[in-house]
N, C-alpha and C. Protein backbone atom coordinates (compact mmCIF):
# COMPACT_ATOMS: atom_id res chain seq x y z
N MET A 1 -18.87 -15.65 15.91
CA MET A 1 -17.53 -15.59 15.64
C MET A 1 -16.73 -14.01 15.91
N GLU A 2 -15.96 -13.67 16.56
CA GLU A 2 -15.23 -12.21 16.71
C GLU A 2 -15.06 -11.67 15.36
N THR A 3 -15.10 -10.39 15.68
CA THR A 3 -14.53 -9.61 14.29
C THR A 3 -13.31 -10.09 13.84
N THR A 4 -12.14 -9.89 14.75
CA THR A 4 -10.77 -10.37 14.34
C THR A 4 -10.59 -11.63 13.79
N ASP A 5 -11.63 -12.77 14.24
CA ASP A 5 -11.45 -14.00 13.48
C ASP A 5 -12.02 -14.17 11.93
N LYS A 6 -13.36 -13.06 11.73
CA LYS A 6 -13.79 -12.95 10.31
C LYS A 6 -12.78 -12.80 9.60
N LYS A 7 -11.91 -11.62 10.00
CA LYS A 7 -10.84 -10.61 9.16
C LYS A 7 -9.67 -12.13 8.99
N VAL A 8 -9.25 -12.46 9.87
CA VAL A 8 -8.31 -13.73 9.89
C VAL A 8 -9.05 -14.93 8.34
N LEU A 9 -10.12 -15.27 8.77
CA LEU A 9 -11.17 -15.77 7.68
C LEU A 9 -11.05 -15.31 6.21
N VAL A 10 -11.44 -14.24 6.15
CA VAL A 10 -11.30 -13.33 4.97
C VAL A 10 -10.10 -13.78 4.11
N LEU A 11 -9.01 -13.20 5.00
CA LEU A 11 -7.74 -13.19 4.30
C LEU A 11 -7.23 -14.80 3.98
N ALA A 12 -7.55 -15.32 5.03
CA ALA A 12 -7.30 -17.06 4.53
C ALA A 12 -7.97 -17.68 3.45
N LYS A 13 -9.45 -17.32 3.12
CA LYS A 13 -10.43 -17.69 2.07
C LYS A 13 -9.42 -16.86 0.94
N MET A 14 -9.02 -15.53 1.03
CA MET A 14 -8.65 -14.86 -0.17
C MET A 14 -7.63 -16.04 -0.62
N THR A 15 -6.55 -16.16 -0.04
CA THR A 15 -5.21 -16.64 0.17
C THR A 15 -5.50 -18.34 -0.60
N LEU A 16 -6.49 -18.63 -0.14
CA LEU A 16 -6.90 -20.16 -0.88
C LEU A 16 -7.50 -19.91 -1.94
N TYR A 17 -8.25 -18.97 -2.09
CA TYR A 17 -8.64 -18.79 -3.64
C TYR A 17 -7.75 -18.46 -4.51
N PHE A 18 -6.86 -17.79 -4.29
CA PHE A 18 -5.60 -17.16 -5.34
C PHE A 18 -4.95 -18.54 -5.51
N ARG A 19 -4.41 -19.22 -4.47
CA ARG A 19 -3.73 -20.61 -4.37
C ARG A 19 -4.12 -21.66 -5.60
N HIS A 20 -5.50 -21.71 -5.46
CA HIS A 20 -6.27 -22.81 -6.03
C HIS A 20 -6.75 -22.44 -7.30
N CYS A 21 -7.12 -21.09 -7.82
CA CYS A 21 -7.82 -20.81 -8.76
C CYS A 21 -7.16 -20.03 -9.87
N ASN A 22 -6.01 -19.66 -9.66
CA ASN A 22 -4.64 -18.91 -10.19
C ASN A 22 -5.03 -17.84 -11.04
N ARG A 23 -6.16 -16.85 -10.49
CA ARG A 23 -6.70 -15.66 -11.20
C ARG A 23 -6.94 -14.69 -10.12
N ALA A 24 -6.95 -13.70 -10.45
CA ALA A 24 -7.44 -12.53 -9.50
C ALA A 24 -8.78 -11.94 -9.83
N ALA A 25 -9.42 -11.63 -8.61
CA ALA A 25 -10.58 -11.02 -8.30
C ALA A 25 -10.50 -9.53 -9.16
N THR A 26 -11.37 -8.73 -9.63
CA THR A 26 -11.37 -7.27 -10.30
C THR A 26 -10.07 -6.68 -10.36
N HIS A 27 -9.82 -6.17 -9.05
CA HIS A 27 -8.64 -5.45 -8.96
C HIS A 27 -7.81 -5.96 -7.97
N MET A 28 -7.83 -7.04 -7.13
CA MET A 28 -7.22 -7.34 -6.22
C MET A 28 -6.59 -8.91 -6.70
N GLU A 29 -5.34 -8.75 -6.08
CA GLU A 29 -4.25 -10.13 -6.44
C GLU A 29 -3.81 -10.38 -4.94
N ARG A 30 -4.42 -11.22 -4.56
CA ARG A 30 -3.56 -11.54 -3.64
C ARG A 30 -3.66 -10.39 -2.31
N ASN A 31 -2.73 -9.77 -1.89
CA ASN A 31 -3.29 -8.67 -0.70
C ASN A 31 -2.45 -7.32 -1.53
N MET A 32 -2.65 -7.39 -2.72
CA MET A 32 -2.63 -6.30 -3.69
C MET A 32 -3.80 -5.64 -4.36
N PHE A 33 -3.56 -4.24 -4.48
CA PHE A 33 -4.57 -3.49 -5.07
C PHE A 33 -4.06 -2.47 -5.99
N LYS A 34 -4.61 -2.77 -7.66
CA LYS A 34 -4.07 -2.06 -8.32
C LYS A 34 -4.21 -0.26 -8.24
N PHE A 35 -2.66 0.42 -8.45
CA PHE A 35 -3.18 2.03 -7.82
C PHE A 35 -2.06 2.73 -8.82
N GLU A 36 -2.62 2.56 -9.94
CA GLU A 36 -2.08 3.80 -11.09
C GLU A 36 -2.22 4.91 -11.32
N ARG A 37 -1.36 5.73 -10.65
CA ARG A 37 -1.40 7.30 -10.30
C ARG A 37 -0.10 7.61 -10.83
N THR A 38 -0.18 9.10 -10.90
CA THR A 38 1.34 9.81 -10.99
C THR A 38 1.14 10.77 -9.51
N LEU A 39 2.21 10.41 -8.79
CA LEU A 39 2.48 11.51 -7.76
C LEU A 39 3.75 11.96 -7.72
N ASN A 40 3.88 12.90 -7.24
CA ASN A 40 5.04 14.29 -7.53
C ASN A 40 5.72 14.28 -6.18
N THR A 41 7.40 14.12 -6.65
CA THR A 41 8.06 14.48 -5.42
C THR A 41 8.29 15.92 -5.53
N ASN A 42 9.06 16.56 -4.31
CA ASN A 42 9.10 18.02 -4.52
C ASN A 42 11.10 18.01 -4.10
N GLY A 43 11.60 17.30 -3.97
CA GLY A 43 12.89 16.88 -3.68
C GLY A 43 13.21 17.36 -2.13
N GLY A 44 12.14 17.60 -1.41
CA GLY A 44 12.65 18.36 0.18
C GLY A 44 12.81 16.98 0.96
N GLY A 45 13.08 15.70 0.48
CA GLY A 45 13.17 14.87 1.68
C GLY A 45 14.48 14.71 2.23
N TYR A 46 14.90 13.87 3.16
CA TYR A 46 16.20 13.90 3.78
C TYR A 46 17.23 12.82 2.55
N TRP A 47 16.49 12.13 1.97
CA TRP A 47 17.32 10.86 1.14
C TRP A 47 17.32 11.56 -0.68
N SER A 48 16.54 12.43 -0.61
CA SER A 48 16.76 12.71 -1.78
C SER A 48 16.32 14.24 -2.15
N ASN A 49 17.14 14.86 -3.29
CA ASN A 49 16.69 16.11 -3.92
C ASN A 49 15.96 16.34 -5.04
N GLU A 50 15.59 15.05 -5.49
CA GLU A 50 14.96 14.94 -6.85
C GLU A 50 13.37 15.17 -6.82
N ALA A 51 12.98 16.17 -7.98
CA ALA A 51 11.78 16.86 -7.93
C ALA A 51 11.22 16.27 -9.24
N ARG A 52 10.43 15.42 -9.40
CA ARG A 52 9.90 14.66 -10.16
C ARG A 52 8.71 13.91 -10.16
N ALA A 53 7.83 13.24 -11.63
CA ALA A 53 6.94 12.87 -11.35
C ALA A 53 7.17 11.65 -11.33
N VAL A 54 6.27 10.51 -10.06
CA VAL A 54 6.45 8.92 -10.39
C VAL A 54 5.29 8.39 -10.49
N LYS A 55 5.15 7.49 -11.38
CA LYS A 55 4.13 6.39 -11.60
C LYS A 55 3.90 5.34 -10.74
N THR A 56 2.98 5.44 -9.92
CA THR A 56 2.47 4.35 -9.01
C THR A 56 1.93 3.19 -9.51
N LEU A 57 1.80 1.84 -9.48
CA LEU A 57 1.59 0.80 -9.74
C LEU A 57 0.34 0.29 -9.28
N ARG A 58 0.91 -0.04 -7.66
CA ARG A 58 0.14 -0.75 -7.23
C ARG A 58 0.28 -0.80 -5.81
N LEU A 59 -0.79 -0.97 -4.89
CA LEU A 59 -0.32 -0.99 -3.03
C LEU A 59 -0.47 -2.46 -2.91
N GLU A 60 0.23 -2.79 -1.47
CA GLU A 60 0.16 -4.21 -1.17
C GLU A 60 0.40 -3.93 0.60
N VAL A 61 -0.38 -4.57 0.89
CA VAL A 61 -0.16 -4.77 2.61
C VAL A 61 0.52 -6.51 2.61
N PRO A 62 1.90 -6.51 2.96
CA PRO A 62 2.49 -7.51 3.18
C PRO A 62 2.06 -8.31 4.29
N TRP A 63 1.64 -7.43 5.39
CA TRP A 63 1.15 -8.13 6.83
C TRP A 63 0.51 -6.97 7.62
N ILE A 64 -0.51 -7.70 8.59
CA ILE A 64 -1.11 -6.99 9.20
C ILE A 64 -1.00 -7.28 10.94
N ASP A 65 -0.84 -6.70 11.98
CA ASP A 65 -1.01 -7.23 13.21
C ASP A 65 -2.29 -6.81 13.71
N GLU A 66 -3.22 -7.49 13.75
CA GLU A 66 -4.80 -7.18 13.99
C GLU A 66 -4.81 -7.16 15.26
N GLU A 67 -4.19 -7.46 15.85
CA GLU A 67 -4.32 -7.38 17.49
C GLU A 67 -4.29 -6.02 17.72
N ASP A 68 -3.00 -5.21 17.37
CA ASP A 68 -2.76 -4.04 17.67
C ASP A 68 -3.25 -3.04 16.53
N GLY A 69 -3.56 -3.46 15.36
CA GLY A 69 -4.16 -2.77 14.61
C GLY A 69 -3.01 -1.97 13.82
N TYR A 70 -2.07 -2.42 13.11
CA TYR A 70 -1.32 -1.92 12.32
C TYR A 70 -0.62 -2.56 11.57
N GLY A 71 0.12 -1.87 10.44
CA GLY A 71 0.80 -3.05 9.31
C GLY A 71 1.48 -1.93 8.58
N GLU A 72 1.97 -2.88 7.38
CA GLU A 72 2.69 -2.20 6.49
C GLU A 72 2.28 -2.02 5.34
N LEU A 73 2.07 -0.71 4.42
CA LEU A 73 1.69 -0.56 3.15
C LEU A 73 2.82 -0.11 2.22
N ARG A 74 2.83 -1.11 1.20
CA ARG A 74 3.89 -0.60 0.03
C ARG A 74 3.35 -0.14 -1.17
N ILE A 75 3.82 1.11 -1.42
CA ILE A 75 3.52 1.96 -2.53
C ILE A 75 4.57 1.38 -3.88
N TYR A 76 4.14 0.53 -4.87
CA TYR A 76 4.89 0.09 -5.63
C TYR A 76 5.09 1.13 -6.76
N PHE A 77 6.36 1.47 -7.43
CA PHE A 77 6.21 2.62 -8.61
C PHE A 77 7.26 1.68 -9.65
N ASP A 78 6.71 2.64 -10.84
CA ASP A 78 7.48 2.37 -12.05
C ASP A 78 8.74 2.89 -11.97
N LYS A 79 9.96 1.71 -11.97
CA LYS A 79 11.28 1.90 -11.93
C LYS A 79 11.64 3.01 -12.96
N LYS A 80 11.18 3.11 -14.29
CA LYS A 80 11.69 4.10 -15.17
C LYS A 80 11.01 5.45 -15.23
N THR A 81 10.28 5.70 -13.90
CA THR A 81 9.83 7.21 -13.47
C THR A 81 10.86 7.17 -12.22
N TRP A 82 11.21 6.02 -11.54
CA TRP A 82 12.13 6.51 -10.46
C TRP A 82 13.19 5.42 -10.45
N LYS A 83 14.31 5.93 -10.11
CA LYS A 83 15.60 4.99 -9.80
C LYS A 83 16.23 5.10 -8.61
N VAL A 84 16.09 4.45 -7.98
CA VAL A 84 16.86 4.25 -6.40
C VAL A 84 17.94 4.83 -6.15
N LYS A 85 18.76 4.11 -6.87
CA LYS A 85 20.29 4.38 -7.25
C LYS A 85 20.51 5.70 -7.60
N LYS A 86 19.85 6.35 -8.73
CA LYS A 86 20.04 7.37 -9.04
C LYS A 86 19.43 8.58 -8.34
N HIS A 87 18.33 8.65 -7.92
CA HIS A 87 17.53 9.41 -7.28
C HIS A 87 17.26 9.72 -5.93
N GLY A 88 17.55 8.37 -4.98
CA GLY A 88 17.72 8.31 -3.57
C GLY A 88 16.08 7.92 -3.41
N LEU A 89 15.89 7.84 -2.09
CA LEU A 89 14.69 7.16 -1.65
C LEU A 89 13.65 8.13 -1.75
N ILE A 90 12.49 7.95 -1.75
CA ILE A 90 11.30 8.98 -1.85
C ILE A 90 10.93 9.22 -0.48
N TYR A 91 11.38 8.22 0.45
CA TYR A 91 11.14 8.34 2.04
C TYR A 91 11.42 9.55 2.13
N THR A 92 10.60 10.27 3.19
CA THR A 92 10.52 11.21 3.70
C THR A 92 10.32 12.86 2.91
N ASP A 93 9.73 12.58 1.66
CA ASP A 93 9.36 13.56 0.89
C ASP A 93 7.81 14.03 0.93
N ARG A 94 7.72 15.17 1.47
CA ARG A 94 6.23 15.48 1.75
C ARG A 94 5.49 15.81 0.85
N GLN A 95 5.87 16.17 -0.23
CA GLN A 95 4.88 16.33 -1.39
C GLN A 95 4.06 15.07 -2.08
N PHE A 96 5.21 14.01 -1.76
CA PHE A 96 4.65 12.64 -2.38
C PHE A 96 3.79 12.32 -1.32
N GLU A 97 3.83 12.56 -0.11
CA GLU A 97 3.42 11.73 1.13
C GLU A 97 1.74 12.64 0.96
N LYS A 98 1.87 13.68 0.79
CA LYS A 98 0.57 14.62 0.66
C LYS A 98 -0.35 14.04 -0.50
N GLU A 99 0.50 14.28 -1.72
CA GLU A 99 -0.32 13.52 -2.84
C GLU A 99 -0.90 11.56 -2.56
N LEU A 100 -0.04 10.92 -1.90
CA LEU A 100 -0.51 9.61 -1.66
C LEU A 100 -1.87 9.64 -0.83
N ARG A 101 -1.61 10.46 0.25
CA ARG A 101 -2.73 10.69 0.92
C ARG A 101 -3.88 11.05 0.35
N GLU A 102 -4.01 12.16 -0.51
CA GLU A 102 -4.87 12.32 -0.94
C GLU A 102 -5.84 11.24 -2.05
N GLN A 103 -4.89 10.55 -2.69
CA GLN A 103 -5.20 9.62 -3.60
C GLN A 103 -5.81 8.28 -3.28
N LEU A 104 -5.06 8.11 -1.86
CA LEU A 104 -5.66 6.79 -1.45
C LEU A 104 -7.26 7.41 -0.63
N ASP A 105 -7.33 8.59 -0.02
CA ASP A 105 -8.53 8.88 0.53
C ASP A 105 -9.77 8.70 -1.06
N LEU A 106 -9.27 8.98 -1.87
CA LEU A 106 -10.42 8.99 -3.21
C LEU A 106 -10.81 7.63 -3.31
N VAL A 107 -10.17 6.39 -3.01
CA VAL A 107 -10.33 5.15 -3.38
C VAL A 107 -10.89 4.23 -1.94
N GLY A 108 -11.22 5.45 -1.14
CA GLY A 108 -11.74 4.75 0.39
C GLY A 108 -10.65 4.26 1.36
N LEU A 109 -9.69 4.56 0.98
CA LEU A 109 -8.64 4.27 2.49
C LEU A 109 -8.20 5.10 2.94
N PRO A 110 -8.20 5.74 4.06
CA PRO A 110 -7.90 6.74 4.88
C PRO A 110 -6.49 7.10 4.96
N GLY A 111 -5.93 8.21 4.20
CA GLY A 111 -4.54 8.44 4.02
C GLY A 111 -4.17 9.35 5.01
N LYS A 112 -4.82 9.79 6.10
CA LYS A 112 -4.35 10.29 7.18
C LYS A 112 -3.68 9.07 7.89
N ASP A 113 -3.91 8.07 7.94
CA ASP A 113 -3.68 6.92 8.96
C ASP A 113 -2.37 6.14 8.09
N VAL A 114 -1.72 6.75 7.28
CA VAL A 114 -0.37 6.53 6.47
C VAL A 114 0.83 7.77 6.82
N ASP A 115 1.98 6.96 7.23
CA ASP A 115 3.10 7.58 7.54
C ASP A 115 3.97 6.82 7.14
N TYR A 116 5.24 7.19 6.39
CA TYR A 116 6.43 6.73 6.24
C TYR A 116 6.90 5.90 7.27
N SER A 117 7.29 4.52 6.78
CA SER A 117 7.91 3.62 7.85
C SER A 117 9.27 4.17 7.85
N GLU A 118 10.15 2.89 8.47
CA GLU A 118 11.81 3.62 8.52
C GLU A 118 12.43 3.36 7.12
N GLN A 119 13.45 4.04 7.40
CA GLN A 119 14.27 4.30 6.12
C GLN A 119 14.75 2.86 5.60
N GLY A 120 15.08 1.79 6.42
CA GLY A 120 15.62 0.41 6.38
C GLY A 120 14.50 -0.49 5.88
N MET A 121 13.06 0.01 5.39
CA MET A 121 12.28 -0.72 5.09
C MET A 121 11.57 -0.19 3.89
N GLN A 122 12.43 0.78 3.36
CA GLN A 122 12.41 1.16 1.53
C GLN A 122 12.87 0.36 0.74
N GLY A 123 12.04 0.18 -0.45
CA GLY A 123 12.68 -1.13 -1.10
C GLY A 123 13.15 -0.10 -2.39
N GLU A 124 13.51 -1.07 -3.77
CA GLU A 124 14.52 -0.54 -5.00
C GLU A 124 13.08 -0.15 -5.72
N ASP A 125 11.80 -0.73 -5.60
CA ASP A 125 10.76 -0.33 -6.38
C ASP A 125 9.51 -0.22 -5.54
N TYR A 126 9.47 0.34 -4.13
CA TYR A 126 8.60 0.68 -3.28
C TYR A 126 8.67 1.44 -2.25
N VAL A 127 7.52 2.23 -1.81
CA VAL A 127 7.86 2.94 -0.51
C VAL A 127 7.09 2.36 0.17
N SER A 128 7.88 2.17 1.49
CA SER A 128 7.34 1.71 2.85
C SER A 128 6.41 2.60 3.74
N CYS A 129 5.27 2.35 4.05
CA CYS A 129 4.81 3.29 4.95
C CYS A 129 3.79 2.40 6.32
N ASP A 130 3.70 3.07 7.02
CA ASP A 130 3.15 2.32 8.34
C ASP A 130 1.70 2.72 8.23
N ILE A 131 0.77 1.82 8.24
CA ILE A 131 -0.75 1.77 8.73
C ILE A 131 -1.29 1.93 9.91
N GLY A 132 -2.29 2.36 10.42
CA GLY A 132 -2.96 2.30 11.25
C GLY A 132 -4.10 1.49 11.51
N LYS A 133 -4.88 1.56 12.63
CA LYS A 133 -6.23 0.68 12.64
C LYS A 133 -7.09 1.02 11.60
N LYS A 134 -7.45 2.49 11.42
CA LYS A 134 -8.52 2.89 10.52
C LYS A 134 -8.07 2.62 8.79
N PHE A 135 -6.96 2.65 8.56
CA PHE A 135 -6.48 2.06 7.22
C PHE A 135 -6.69 0.75 7.34
N VAL A 136 -6.09 -0.32 8.31
CA VAL A 136 -6.12 -1.44 8.26
C VAL A 136 -7.85 -2.17 8.18
N LYS A 137 -9.00 -1.40 8.91
CA LYS A 137 -9.99 -1.82 8.84
C LYS A 137 -10.91 -1.35 7.28
N ALA A 138 -10.28 -0.30 6.82
CA ALA A 138 -10.80 -0.22 5.66
C ALA A 138 -10.00 -1.01 4.61
N TRP A 139 -8.75 -1.54 4.64
CA TRP A 139 -8.15 -2.32 3.49
C TRP A 139 -8.96 -3.67 3.96
N LEU A 140 -9.12 -4.23 4.98
CA LEU A 140 -10.11 -5.59 4.68
C LEU A 140 -11.30 -5.59 4.47
N LYS A 141 -11.98 -4.23 4.67
CA LYS A 141 -13.16 -4.09 4.18
C LYS A 141 -13.10 -4.29 2.62
N LYS A 142 -12.17 -3.63 1.96
CA LYS A 142 -11.92 -3.97 0.31
C LYS A 142 -11.82 -5.25 -0.25
N VAL A 143 -10.98 -5.95 0.76
CA VAL A 143 -10.45 -7.10 0.40
C VAL A 143 -11.78 -8.14 0.49
N GLU A 144 -12.55 -7.93 1.34
CA GLU A 144 -13.75 -8.51 1.58
C GLU A 144 -14.66 -8.26 0.71
N GLU A 145 -14.92 -7.03 0.05
CA GLU A 145 -15.49 -6.73 -0.89
C GLU A 145 -15.16 -7.74 -2.22
N LEU A 146 -14.03 -7.46 -2.82
CA LEU A 146 -13.44 -7.98 -3.75
C LEU A 146 -12.91 -9.69 -3.84
N THR A 147 -13.23 -10.33 -2.72
CA THR A 147 -12.94 -11.12 -2.97
C THR A 147 -14.11 -12.24 -2.86
N PRO A 148 -13.88 -13.18 -3.73
CA PRO A 148 -15.26 -13.99 -4.09
C PRO A 148 -15.65 -15.08 -3.24
N SER A 149 -16.85 -15.28 -2.93
CA SER A 149 -17.19 -16.08 -1.79
C SER A 149 -16.77 -17.35 -2.11
N LEU A 150 -16.32 -18.17 -1.07
CA LEU A 150 -15.97 -19.51 -1.35
C LEU A 150 -16.80 -20.40 -0.93
């Protein structure tokens, strides 16, 4: 079996597991990973001039193009600490991006392979980022480690 087939199989097994068991592995629920941190903005982004601490909750990778090795990472935040309608988008804030990358590195996910995605992909309760091959590989490894065998 080729490596790509194995990765697809792992994701399929994970989906089946959660669909049928209705419970999560230690820190993983479907394609999400618990990520409770406090990251700061410095107000230097194009879409906000707000400097504040933002509590993050979890990471999600809603899709991966394994053939080309990229995907999307969503960093969900507590809307009590950041209100998009009031504070604007975190998108393009370099301090948030720097701290995010550092924290991702600490959990074994290559932060240097993460960049903000386009403005239209940003959400009301998450920051959207593009991820590259190194991040995808590390993410799939984490999924495999945290997914029970079927």
